[in-house]
Amino acid sequence: MKHLITAFFTMLSLATFAQSPPEAFSYQGVARDNGGNVLANQLIGLRIAIQDGIGADLYVERHTLTTNDFGLFNTAIGTGIIISGSFASIDWSSDNHYVNVRIDPTGGTSYVNLGISQLLSVPYALHSKSSEDGMPDGIMGQTLRANASGWETTTNLYNDGTNVGIGSTLPSEKLEVNGNVAITGSS
């Protein structure tokens, strides 16, 4: 019996300053039979492939999941049992990428191809393009302010694009410290 699936996916933010997130993204779908009836509370098998622009598999994994009362299932692409490739080695900056999903409604590995969808940007990734200098909004908890020579903080930290100065508004070296320096600690 040919099975159909309605699926959508959401990319998760892949960058935070506090910790490294898992290298994966969410995938959610509704499993249905060819009559449109949901496969409620049923064990299903998924084979998920990330493909490049010419349809070559870059990474392939499989998942065994159980749907809920509405046929809904959730998983994270990049966390399945690896069939081939390496999720970490996918060069996301080159070419378009696509996700190919196959399902076995019995939970096995006799998959039916459900189709291919292009992976698109998410709002967090689009927002990251708006950074002007690539610097976080603060250094050691301080707020950055723009000035004619680059950026500065309320702790007198300056950058002219080449050199960094602490207590110096016009640093002439890669790192210039102007003022008293205290070095503490044990060796």
N, C-alpha and C. Protein backbone atom coordinates (compact mmCIF):
# COMPACT_ATOMS: atom_id res chain seq x y z
N MET A 1 0.86 -1.17 0.00
CA MET A 1 0.00 0.00 0.00
C MET A 1 0.90 1.24 0.00
N LYS A 2 0.62 2.14 -0.88
CA LYS A 2 1.39 3.37 -0.96
C LYS A 2 0.95 4.31 0.17
N HIS A 3 1.92 4.87 0.88
CA HIS A 3 1.60 5.75 2.00
C HIS A 3 2.03 7.17 1.69
N LEU A 4 1.26 8.09 2.16
CA LEU A 4 1.55 9.50 1.95
C LEU A 4 1.91 10.14 3.28
N ILE A 5 2.61 11.23 3.25
CA ILE A 5 2.98 11.94 4.47
C ILE A 5 2.92 13.43 4.20
N THR A 6 2.43 14.16 5.15
CA THR A 6 2.46 15.61 5.08
C THR A 6 3.51 16.04 6.09
N ALA A 7 4.52 16.78 5.65
CA ALA A 7 5.61 17.09 6.57
C ALA A 7 6.05 18.53 6.42
N PHE A 8 6.53 19.06 7.49
CA PHE A 8 7.18 20.35 7.45
C PHE A 8 8.34 20.30 8.43
N PHE A 9 9.32 21.14 8.26
CA PHE A 9 10.47 21.11 9.13
C PHE A 9 10.90 22.50 9.50
N THR A 10 11.60 22.58 10.60
CA THR A 10 12.04 23.85 11.14
C THR A 10 13.52 23.76 11.46
N MET A 11 14.29 24.68 10.95
CA MET A 11 15.71 24.73 11.31
C MET A 11 15.82 25.40 12.68
N LEU A 12 16.73 24.90 13.48
CA LEU A 12 17.01 25.49 14.79
C LEU A 12 18.22 26.39 14.67
N SER A 13 18.26 27.30 15.51
CA SER A 13 19.43 28.16 15.53
C SER A 13 20.66 27.32 15.81
N LEU A 14 21.73 27.53 15.03
CA LEU A 14 22.94 26.74 15.20
C LEU A 14 24.05 27.52 15.88
N ALA A 15 23.71 28.67 16.41
CA ALA A 15 24.77 29.42 17.08
C ALA A 15 24.21 30.11 18.32
N THR A 16 24.89 29.95 19.42
CA THR A 16 24.60 30.71 20.62
C THR A 16 25.93 31.07 21.24
N PHE A 17 25.94 32.05 22.10
CA PHE A 17 27.18 32.43 22.76
C PHE A 17 27.40 31.60 24.01
N ALA A 18 26.37 31.03 24.61
CA ALA A 18 26.50 30.34 25.88
C ALA A 18 26.98 28.91 25.72
N GLN A 19 26.51 28.20 24.71
CA GLN A 19 26.88 26.80 24.56
C GLN A 19 26.72 26.39 23.11
N SER A 20 27.36 25.29 22.76
CA SER A 20 27.22 24.76 21.41
C SER A 20 25.98 23.90 21.34
N PRO A 21 25.06 24.24 20.45
CA PRO A 21 23.86 23.42 20.31
C PRO A 21 24.19 22.13 19.57
N PRO A 22 23.31 21.15 19.62
CA PRO A 22 23.56 19.94 18.85
C PRO A 22 23.53 20.27 17.36
N GLU A 23 24.34 19.54 16.59
CA GLU A 23 24.32 19.74 15.15
C GLU A 23 23.17 18.91 14.59
N ALA A 24 22.02 19.52 14.58
CA ALA A 24 20.80 18.85 14.13
C ALA A 24 19.73 19.91 13.91
N PHE A 25 18.66 19.53 13.24
CA PHE A 25 17.51 20.42 13.14
C PHE A 25 16.23 19.61 13.22
N SER A 26 15.18 20.26 13.66
CA SER A 26 13.90 19.60 13.90
C SER A 26 13.21 19.21 12.60
N TYR A 27 12.52 18.09 12.67
CA TYR A 27 11.69 17.65 11.56
C TYR A 27 10.40 17.11 12.17
N GLN A 28 9.29 17.51 11.60
CA GLN A 28 7.99 17.11 12.12
C GLN A 28 7.10 16.76 10.94
N GLY A 29 6.28 15.75 11.10
CA GLY A 29 5.39 15.37 10.02
C GLY A 29 4.17 14.64 10.54
N VAL A 30 3.22 14.42 9.65
CA VAL A 30 2.02 13.64 9.95
C VAL A 30 2.01 12.47 8.97
N ALA A 31 2.00 11.27 9.51
CA ALA A 31 1.98 10.07 8.68
C ALA A 31 0.53 9.71 8.35
N ARG A 32 0.26 9.47 7.05
CA ARG A 32 -1.08 9.14 6.57
C ARG A 32 -0.99 7.97 5.59
N ASP A 33 -2.07 7.24 5.46
CA ASP A 33 -2.12 6.21 4.43
C ASP A 33 -2.57 6.86 3.12
N ASN A 34 -2.66 6.06 2.03
CA ASN A 34 -3.01 6.67 0.74
C ASN A 34 -4.46 7.10 0.67
N GLY A 35 -5.26 6.75 1.66
CA GLY A 35 -6.64 7.23 1.75
C GLY A 35 -6.75 8.52 2.54
N GLY A 36 -5.62 9.03 3.05
CA GLY A 36 -5.63 10.27 3.82
C GLY A 36 -5.87 10.07 5.30
N ASN A 37 -6.00 8.83 5.74
CA ASN A 37 -6.22 8.54 7.15
C ASN A 37 -4.90 8.57 7.91
N VAL A 38 -4.91 9.21 9.06
CA VAL A 38 -3.67 9.30 9.84
C VAL A 38 -3.29 7.94 10.39
N LEU A 39 -2.00 7.71 10.50
CA LEU A 39 -1.48 6.50 11.11
C LEU A 39 -1.24 6.81 12.58
N ALA A 40 -2.32 6.70 13.37
CA ALA A 40 -2.30 7.09 14.78
C ALA A 40 -1.64 6.02 15.63
N ASN A 41 -0.80 6.48 16.57
CA ASN A 41 -0.14 5.61 17.55
C ASN A 41 0.50 4.39 16.89
N GLN A 42 1.24 4.65 15.84
CA GLN A 42 1.83 3.57 15.06
C GLN A 42 3.33 3.74 14.96
N LEU A 43 4.06 2.64 15.04
CA LEU A 43 5.51 2.62 14.85
C LEU A 43 5.79 2.80 13.37
N ILE A 44 6.64 3.77 13.02
CA ILE A 44 7.02 4.02 11.62
C ILE A 44 8.54 4.06 11.51
N GLY A 45 9.02 3.77 10.33
CA GLY A 45 10.44 3.90 10.03
C GLY A 45 10.64 5.03 9.05
N LEU A 46 11.66 5.85 9.27
CA LEU A 46 11.99 6.94 8.34
C LEU A 46 13.41 6.78 7.86
N ARG A 47 13.63 7.06 6.59
CA ARG A 47 14.97 7.17 6.02
C ARG A 47 15.06 8.60 5.51
N ILE A 48 16.00 9.36 6.06
CA ILE A 48 16.13 10.78 5.71
C ILE A 48 17.51 11.01 5.11
N ALA A 49 17.52 11.65 3.94
CA ALA A 49 18.79 11.96 3.26
C ALA A 49 18.89 13.45 3.03
N ILE A 50 20.07 14.01 3.30
CA ILE A 50 20.39 15.38 2.91
C ILE A 50 21.11 15.27 1.57
N GLN A 51 20.60 15.98 0.57
CA GLN A 51 21.16 15.89 -0.78
C GLN A 51 21.66 17.24 -1.25
N ASP A 52 22.62 17.21 -2.18
CA ASP A 52 23.12 18.44 -2.78
C ASP A 52 22.22 18.83 -3.94
N GLY A 53 22.61 19.87 -4.67
CA GLY A 53 21.79 20.41 -5.75
C GLY A 53 21.59 19.48 -6.93
N ILE A 54 22.42 18.44 -7.07
CA ILE A 54 22.26 17.51 -8.19
C ILE A 54 21.64 16.18 -7.74
N GLY A 55 21.21 16.12 -6.47
CA GLY A 55 20.52 14.94 -5.98
C GLY A 55 21.40 13.87 -5.37
N ALA A 56 22.68 14.16 -5.18
CA ALA A 56 23.58 13.18 -4.57
C ALA A 56 23.40 13.21 -3.05
N ASP A 57 23.35 12.03 -2.44
CA ASP A 57 23.23 11.94 -0.99
C ASP A 57 24.53 12.38 -0.32
N LEU A 58 24.43 13.38 0.55
CA LEU A 58 25.58 13.81 1.35
C LEU A 58 25.58 13.12 2.70
N TYR A 59 24.38 12.82 3.19
CA TYR A 59 24.21 12.22 4.51
C TYR A 59 22.89 11.47 4.51
N VAL A 60 22.88 10.26 5.07
CA VAL A 60 21.66 9.47 5.15
C VAL A 60 21.57 8.85 6.54
N GLU A 61 20.39 8.92 7.14
CA GLU A 61 20.15 8.34 8.46
C GLU A 61 18.77 7.71 8.49
N ARG A 62 18.54 6.90 9.55
CA ARG A 62 17.21 6.31 9.71
C ARG A 62 16.74 6.53 11.14
N HIS A 63 15.43 6.56 11.29
CA HIS A 63 14.77 6.74 12.59
C HIS A 63 13.63 5.74 12.70
N THR A 64 13.38 5.27 13.91
CA THR A 64 12.19 4.50 14.21
C THR A 64 11.42 5.29 15.25
N LEU A 65 10.21 5.70 14.91
CA LEU A 65 9.41 6.60 15.74
C LEU A 65 8.00 6.07 15.91
N THR A 66 7.31 6.56 16.92
CA THR A 66 5.91 6.25 17.11
C THR A 66 5.10 7.54 16.97
N THR A 67 4.06 7.48 16.14
CA THR A 67 3.19 8.65 15.95
C THR A 67 2.27 8.81 17.16
N ASN A 68 1.68 10.01 17.29
CA ASN A 68 0.72 10.23 18.38
C ASN A 68 -0.70 9.98 17.88
N ASP A 69 -1.71 10.39 18.65
CA ASP A 69 -3.12 10.17 18.29
C ASP A 69 -3.50 10.80 16.95
N PHE A 70 -2.75 11.81 16.52
CA PHE A 70 -3.05 12.53 15.29
C PHE A 70 -2.12 12.15 14.14
N GLY A 71 -1.28 11.12 14.34
CA GLY A 71 -0.33 10.70 13.33
C GLY A 71 0.93 11.55 13.30
N LEU A 72 1.05 12.46 14.25
CA LEU A 72 2.18 13.38 14.30
C LEU A 72 3.41 12.69 14.86
N PHE A 73 4.56 13.00 14.26
CA PHE A 73 5.84 12.53 14.79
C PHE A 73 6.84 13.68 14.75
N ASN A 74 7.81 13.64 15.66
CA ASN A 74 8.86 14.64 15.74
C ASN A 74 10.20 13.93 15.83
N THR A 75 11.21 14.49 15.18
CA THR A 75 12.56 13.97 15.31
C THR A 75 13.54 15.10 15.03
N ALA A 76 14.81 14.81 15.15
CA ALA A 76 15.86 15.78 14.85
C ALA A 76 16.77 15.17 13.79
N ILE A 77 16.81 15.79 12.62
CA ILE A 77 17.69 15.31 11.56
C ILE A 77 19.12 15.61 11.99
N GLY A 78 19.95 14.59 11.96
CA GLY A 78 21.33 14.69 12.43
C GLY A 78 21.55 13.84 13.66
N THR A 79 20.46 13.26 14.20
CA THR A 79 20.57 12.45 15.41
C THR A 79 20.16 10.99 15.19
N GLY A 80 19.88 10.62 13.95
CA GLY A 80 19.42 9.26 13.66
C GLY A 80 20.58 8.28 13.59
N ILE A 81 20.24 7.05 13.24
CA ILE A 81 21.26 6.01 13.03
C ILE A 81 21.84 6.24 11.64
N ILE A 82 23.15 6.48 11.58
CA ILE A 82 23.80 6.86 10.33
C ILE A 82 23.87 5.67 9.38
N ILE A 83 23.43 5.91 8.14
CA ILE A 83 23.55 4.93 7.07
C ILE A 83 24.79 5.24 6.24
N SER A 84 24.96 6.54 5.92
CA SER A 84 26.15 6.96 5.17
C SER A 84 26.39 8.45 5.37
N GLY A 85 27.63 8.86 5.16
CA GLY A 85 28.02 10.26 5.27
C GLY A 85 28.23 10.71 6.70
N SER A 86 28.47 12.01 6.83
CA SER A 86 28.68 12.63 8.14
C SER A 86 27.94 13.96 8.17
N PHE A 87 27.02 14.09 9.11
CA PHE A 87 26.24 15.33 9.22
C PHE A 87 27.16 16.52 9.46
N ALA A 88 28.18 16.34 10.31
CA ALA A 88 29.10 17.43 10.65
C ALA A 88 29.93 17.89 9.45
N SER A 89 30.10 17.04 8.45
CA SER A 89 30.94 17.42 7.31
C SER A 89 30.16 18.05 6.16
N ILE A 90 28.85 18.23 6.31
CA ILE A 90 28.07 18.88 5.25
C ILE A 90 28.48 20.35 5.18
N ASP A 91 28.83 20.81 3.99
CA ASP A 91 29.19 22.21 3.78
C ASP A 91 27.92 22.98 3.45
N TRP A 92 27.29 23.54 4.50
CA TRP A 92 26.01 24.23 4.34
C TRP A 92 26.16 25.52 3.54
N SER A 93 27.40 26.05 3.42
CA SER A 93 27.59 27.33 2.73
C SER A 93 27.65 27.17 1.22
N SER A 94 27.77 25.95 0.73
CA SER A 94 27.86 25.76 -0.72
C SER A 94 26.62 25.06 -1.24
N ASP A 95 26.17 25.46 -2.40
CA ASP A 95 25.08 24.80 -3.10
C ASP A 95 23.77 24.87 -2.32
N ASN A 96 22.69 24.51 -2.95
CA ASN A 96 21.40 24.33 -2.28
C ASN A 96 21.38 22.93 -1.70
N HIS A 97 20.63 22.76 -0.63
CA HIS A 97 20.51 21.44 -0.01
C HIS A 97 19.03 21.06 0.07
N TYR A 98 18.80 19.75 -0.01
CA TYR A 98 17.45 19.22 -0.05
C TYR A 98 17.34 18.08 0.95
N VAL A 99 16.12 17.84 1.43
CA VAL A 99 15.87 16.70 2.31
C VAL A 99 14.94 15.74 1.57
N ASN A 100 15.34 14.48 1.51
CA ASN A 100 14.56 13.42 0.89
C ASN A 100 14.07 12.51 2.00
N VAL A 101 12.76 12.33 2.10
CA VAL A 101 12.17 11.53 3.17
C VAL A 101 11.49 10.30 2.57
N ARG A 102 11.76 9.16 3.21
CA ARG A 102 11.10 7.89 2.85
C ARG A 102 10.52 7.32 4.13
N ILE A 103 9.39 6.60 4.00
CA ILE A 103 8.71 6.06 5.18
C ILE A 103 8.40 4.58 5.00
N ASP A 104 8.48 3.85 6.10
CA ASP A 104 7.95 2.50 6.18
C ASP A 104 6.91 2.53 7.29
N PRO A 105 5.63 2.43 6.96
CA PRO A 105 4.56 2.56 7.96
C PRO A 105 4.51 1.40 8.96
N THR A 106 5.32 0.36 8.74
CA THR A 106 5.34 -0.77 9.68
C THR A 106 6.51 -0.68 10.65
N GLY A 107 7.32 0.38 10.54
CA GLY A 107 8.46 0.54 11.44
C GLY A 107 9.73 -0.13 10.95
N GLY A 108 9.69 -0.73 9.77
CA GLY A 108 10.85 -1.43 9.22
C GLY A 108 11.67 -0.57 8.29
N THR A 109 12.29 -1.23 7.29
CA THR A 109 13.17 -0.52 6.37
C THR A 109 12.75 -0.72 4.91
N SER A 110 11.50 -1.05 4.67
CA SER A 110 10.96 -1.15 3.30
C SER A 110 10.30 0.19 2.99
N TYR A 111 11.13 1.15 2.61
CA TYR A 111 10.69 2.54 2.51
C TYR A 111 9.98 2.87 1.21
N VAL A 112 9.03 3.78 1.30
CA VAL A 112 8.35 4.38 0.15
C VAL A 112 8.82 5.83 0.09
N ASN A 113 9.26 6.26 -1.09
CA ASN A 113 9.77 7.62 -1.27
C ASN A 113 8.62 8.62 -1.20
N LEU A 114 8.76 9.62 -0.32
CA LEU A 114 7.72 10.64 -0.17
C LEU A 114 8.06 11.93 -0.89
N GLY A 115 9.27 12.06 -1.38
CA GLY A 115 9.62 13.26 -2.12
C GLY A 115 10.78 14.02 -1.52
N ILE A 116 11.10 15.12 -2.19
CA ILE A 116 12.26 15.95 -1.83
C ILE A 116 11.79 17.38 -1.64
N SER A 117 12.30 18.04 -0.60
CA SER A 117 12.01 19.44 -0.35
C SER A 117 13.31 20.20 -0.14
N GLN A 118 13.37 21.42 -0.67
CA GLN A 118 14.56 22.24 -0.47
C GLN A 118 14.60 22.77 0.95
N LEU A 119 15.79 22.75 1.57
CA LEU A 119 15.98 23.36 2.89
C LEU A 119 16.14 24.85 2.69
N LEU A 120 15.41 25.63 3.47
CA LEU A 120 15.42 27.08 3.35
C LEU A 120 15.90 27.71 4.65
N SER A 121 16.20 29.00 4.61
CA SER A 121 16.65 29.73 5.78
C SER A 121 15.54 29.88 6.81
N VAL A 122 15.93 30.06 8.05
CA VAL A 122 14.99 30.36 9.12
C VAL A 122 15.28 31.77 9.61
N PRO A 123 14.35 32.39 10.31
CA PRO A 123 14.54 33.78 10.73
C PRO A 123 15.84 34.03 11.51
N TYR A 124 16.26 33.10 12.37
CA TYR A 124 17.50 33.32 13.13
C TYR A 124 18.71 33.43 12.19
N ALA A 125 18.76 32.59 11.17
CA ALA A 125 19.87 32.63 10.23
C ALA A 125 19.82 33.92 9.41
N LEU A 126 18.63 34.34 9.01
CA LEU A 126 18.51 35.58 8.25
C LEU A 126 18.92 36.78 9.10
N HIS A 127 18.59 36.76 10.39
CA HIS A 127 18.98 37.84 11.28
C HIS A 127 20.49 37.92 11.44
N SER A 128 21.19 36.80 11.43
CA SER A 128 22.63 36.81 11.63
C SER A 128 23.35 37.57 10.52
N LYS A 129 22.73 37.69 9.34
CA LYS A 129 23.31 38.46 8.25
C LYS A 129 23.36 39.95 8.56
N SER A 130 22.59 40.42 9.56
CA SER A 130 22.51 41.85 9.84
C SER A 130 23.64 42.36 10.72
N SER A 131 24.51 41.48 11.22
CA SER A 131 25.62 41.90 12.06
C SER A 131 26.60 42.72 11.23
N GLU A 132 26.96 43.91 11.70
CA GLU A 132 27.85 44.78 10.95
C GLU A 132 29.32 44.46 11.17
N ASP A 133 29.70 44.13 12.39
CA ASP A 133 31.11 43.90 12.66
C ASP A 133 31.43 42.51 13.17
N GLY A 134 30.43 41.66 13.28
CA GLY A 134 30.65 40.31 13.74
C GLY A 134 30.92 40.19 15.22
N MET A 135 30.87 41.29 15.95
CA MET A 135 31.13 41.27 17.38
C MET A 135 29.83 41.06 18.14
N PRO A 136 29.90 40.37 19.27
CA PRO A 136 28.70 40.24 20.11
C PRO A 136 28.32 41.61 20.65
N ASP A 137 27.12 41.71 21.22
CA ASP A 137 26.64 42.98 21.73
C ASP A 137 27.33 43.43 23.01
N GLY A 138 28.28 42.74 23.47
CA GLY A 138 29.00 43.15 24.66
C GLY A 138 30.25 42.33 24.87
N ILE A 139 31.18 42.88 25.56
CA ILE A 139 32.40 42.18 25.92
C ILE A 139 32.47 42.19 27.43
N MET A 140 32.53 41.03 28.02
CA MET A 140 32.55 40.89 29.48
C MET A 140 31.39 41.63 30.10
N GLY A 141 30.21 41.53 29.47
CA GLY A 141 29.00 42.12 30.02
C GLY A 141 28.84 43.61 29.75
N GLN A 142 29.73 44.21 28.98
CA GLN A 142 29.66 45.64 28.71
C GLN A 142 28.94 45.88 27.38
N THR A 143 28.28 47.02 27.27
CA THR A 143 27.58 47.38 26.05
C THR A 143 28.53 48.05 25.08
N LEU A 144 28.49 47.66 23.82
CA LEU A 144 29.35 48.26 22.80
C LEU A 144 28.69 49.51 22.25
N ARG A 145 29.51 50.54 21.98
CA ARG A 145 29.05 51.76 21.32
C ARG A 145 29.94 52.00 20.11
N ALA A 146 29.36 52.41 19.02
CA ALA A 146 30.15 52.73 17.84
C ALA A 146 30.72 54.13 17.98
N ASN A 147 31.94 54.33 17.51
CA ASN A 147 32.53 55.65 17.43
C ASN A 147 33.37 55.73 16.17
N ALA A 148 34.02 56.85 15.94
CA ALA A 148 34.76 57.06 14.71
C ALA A 148 35.90 56.06 14.52
N SER A 149 36.47 55.54 15.60
CA SER A 149 37.61 54.64 15.47
C SER A 149 37.21 53.17 15.57
N GLY A 150 35.95 52.85 15.58
CA GLY A 150 35.54 51.46 15.67
C GLY A 150 34.51 51.27 16.76
N TRP A 151 34.79 50.46 17.75
CA TRP A 151 33.86 50.23 18.84
C TRP A 151 34.56 50.48 20.15
N GLU A 152 33.80 50.79 21.14
CA GLU A 152 34.35 50.98 22.48
C GLU A 152 33.33 50.48 23.49
N THR A 153 33.80 50.20 24.68
CA THR A 153 32.89 49.82 25.75
C THR A 153 33.04 50.82 26.87
N THR A 154 32.18 50.68 27.85
CA THR A 154 32.26 51.58 28.99
C THR A 154 33.49 51.31 29.85
N THR A 155 34.26 50.27 29.52
CA THR A 155 35.50 49.98 30.25
C THR A 155 36.73 50.43 29.47
N ASN A 156 36.57 51.34 28.52
CA ASN A 156 37.67 51.89 27.74
C ASN A 156 38.39 50.86 26.88
N LEU A 157 37.65 50.03 26.22
CA LEU A 157 38.20 49.06 25.29
C LEU A 157 37.87 49.55 23.89
N TYR A 158 38.89 49.70 23.04
CA TYR A 158 38.71 50.29 21.72
C TYR A 158 39.29 49.37 20.64
N ASN A 159 38.73 49.48 19.44
CA ASN A 159 39.22 48.73 18.30
C ASN A 159 39.13 49.64 17.09
N ASP A 160 40.25 49.81 16.37
CA ASP A 160 40.22 50.65 15.17
C ASP A 160 40.14 49.80 13.90
N GLY A 161 39.85 48.52 14.05
CA GLY A 161 39.79 47.63 12.91
C GLY A 161 41.05 46.81 12.73
N THR A 162 42.16 47.28 13.28
CA THR A 162 43.43 46.57 13.20
C THR A 162 44.01 46.32 14.59
N ASN A 163 43.99 47.37 15.42
CA ASN A 163 44.59 47.30 16.75
C ASN A 163 43.52 47.44 17.83
N VAL A 164 43.81 46.87 19.00
CA VAL A 164 42.92 46.95 20.15
C VAL A 164 43.63 47.70 21.26
N GLY A 165 42.91 48.64 21.88
CA GLY A 165 43.49 49.40 22.98
C GLY A 165 42.63 49.31 24.22
N ILE A 166 43.27 49.12 25.35
CA ILE A 166 42.60 49.17 26.64
C ILE A 166 43.11 50.42 27.32
N GLY A 167 42.23 51.41 27.50
CA GLY A 167 42.63 52.68 28.06
C GLY A 167 43.33 53.59 27.05
N SER A 168 43.30 53.23 25.79
CA SER A 168 43.93 54.02 24.73
C SER A 168 42.94 54.13 23.58
N THR A 169 42.61 55.38 23.18
CA THR A 169 41.64 55.56 22.10
C THR A 169 42.29 55.44 20.72
N LEU A 170 43.63 55.49 20.65
CA LEU A 170 44.33 55.34 19.38
C LEU A 170 45.46 54.32 19.54
N PRO A 171 45.13 53.02 19.66
CA PRO A 171 46.18 52.03 19.85
C PRO A 171 47.10 51.94 18.64
N SER A 172 48.42 51.88 18.90
CA SER A 172 49.40 51.80 17.81
C SER A 172 49.97 50.40 17.67
N GLU A 173 49.60 49.48 18.54
CA GLU A 173 50.05 48.09 18.50
C GLU A 173 48.82 47.18 18.42
N LYS A 174 49.07 45.91 18.11
CA LYS A 174 47.97 44.95 18.04
C LYS A 174 47.16 44.96 19.34
N LEU A 175 47.86 45.03 20.49
CA LEU A 175 47.22 45.19 21.78
C LEU A 175 48.01 46.21 22.56
N GLU A 176 47.35 47.30 22.92
CA GLU A 176 48.00 48.36 23.70
C GLU A 176 47.21 48.58 24.98
N VAL A 177 47.90 48.49 26.11
CA VAL A 177 47.28 48.70 27.40
C VAL A 177 47.87 49.97 27.98
N ASN A 178 47.00 50.90 28.30
CA ASN A 178 47.44 52.18 28.85
C ASN A 178 46.84 52.33 30.24
N GLY A 179 47.68 52.32 31.27
CA GLY A 179 47.19 52.41 32.63
C GLY A 179 47.88 51.39 33.51
N ASN A 180 47.38 51.24 34.71
CA ASN A 180 47.96 50.27 35.65
C ASN A 180 47.49 48.87 35.29
N VAL A 181 48.42 47.93 35.33
CA VAL A 181 48.10 46.55 35.04
C VAL A 181 48.41 45.72 36.27
N ALA A 182 47.46 44.98 36.73
CA ALA A 182 47.66 44.11 37.89
C ALA A 182 47.51 42.67 37.43
N ILE A 183 48.50 41.86 37.71
CA ILE A 183 48.43 40.45 37.37
C ILE A 183 48.39 39.67 38.67
N THR A 184 47.32 38.92 38.84
CA THR A 184 47.15 38.16 40.08
C THR A 184 47.01 36.69 39.76
N GLY A 185 47.16 35.89 40.76
CA GLY A 185 47.00 34.44 40.59
C GLY A 185 48.24 33.72 41.05
N SER A 186 48.14 32.41 41.10
CA SER A 186 49.28 31.60 41.52
C SER A 186 49.78 30.80 40.35
N SER A 187 51.04 30.43 40.41
CA SER A 187 51.61 29.63 39.32
C SER A 187 52.06 28.29 39.80
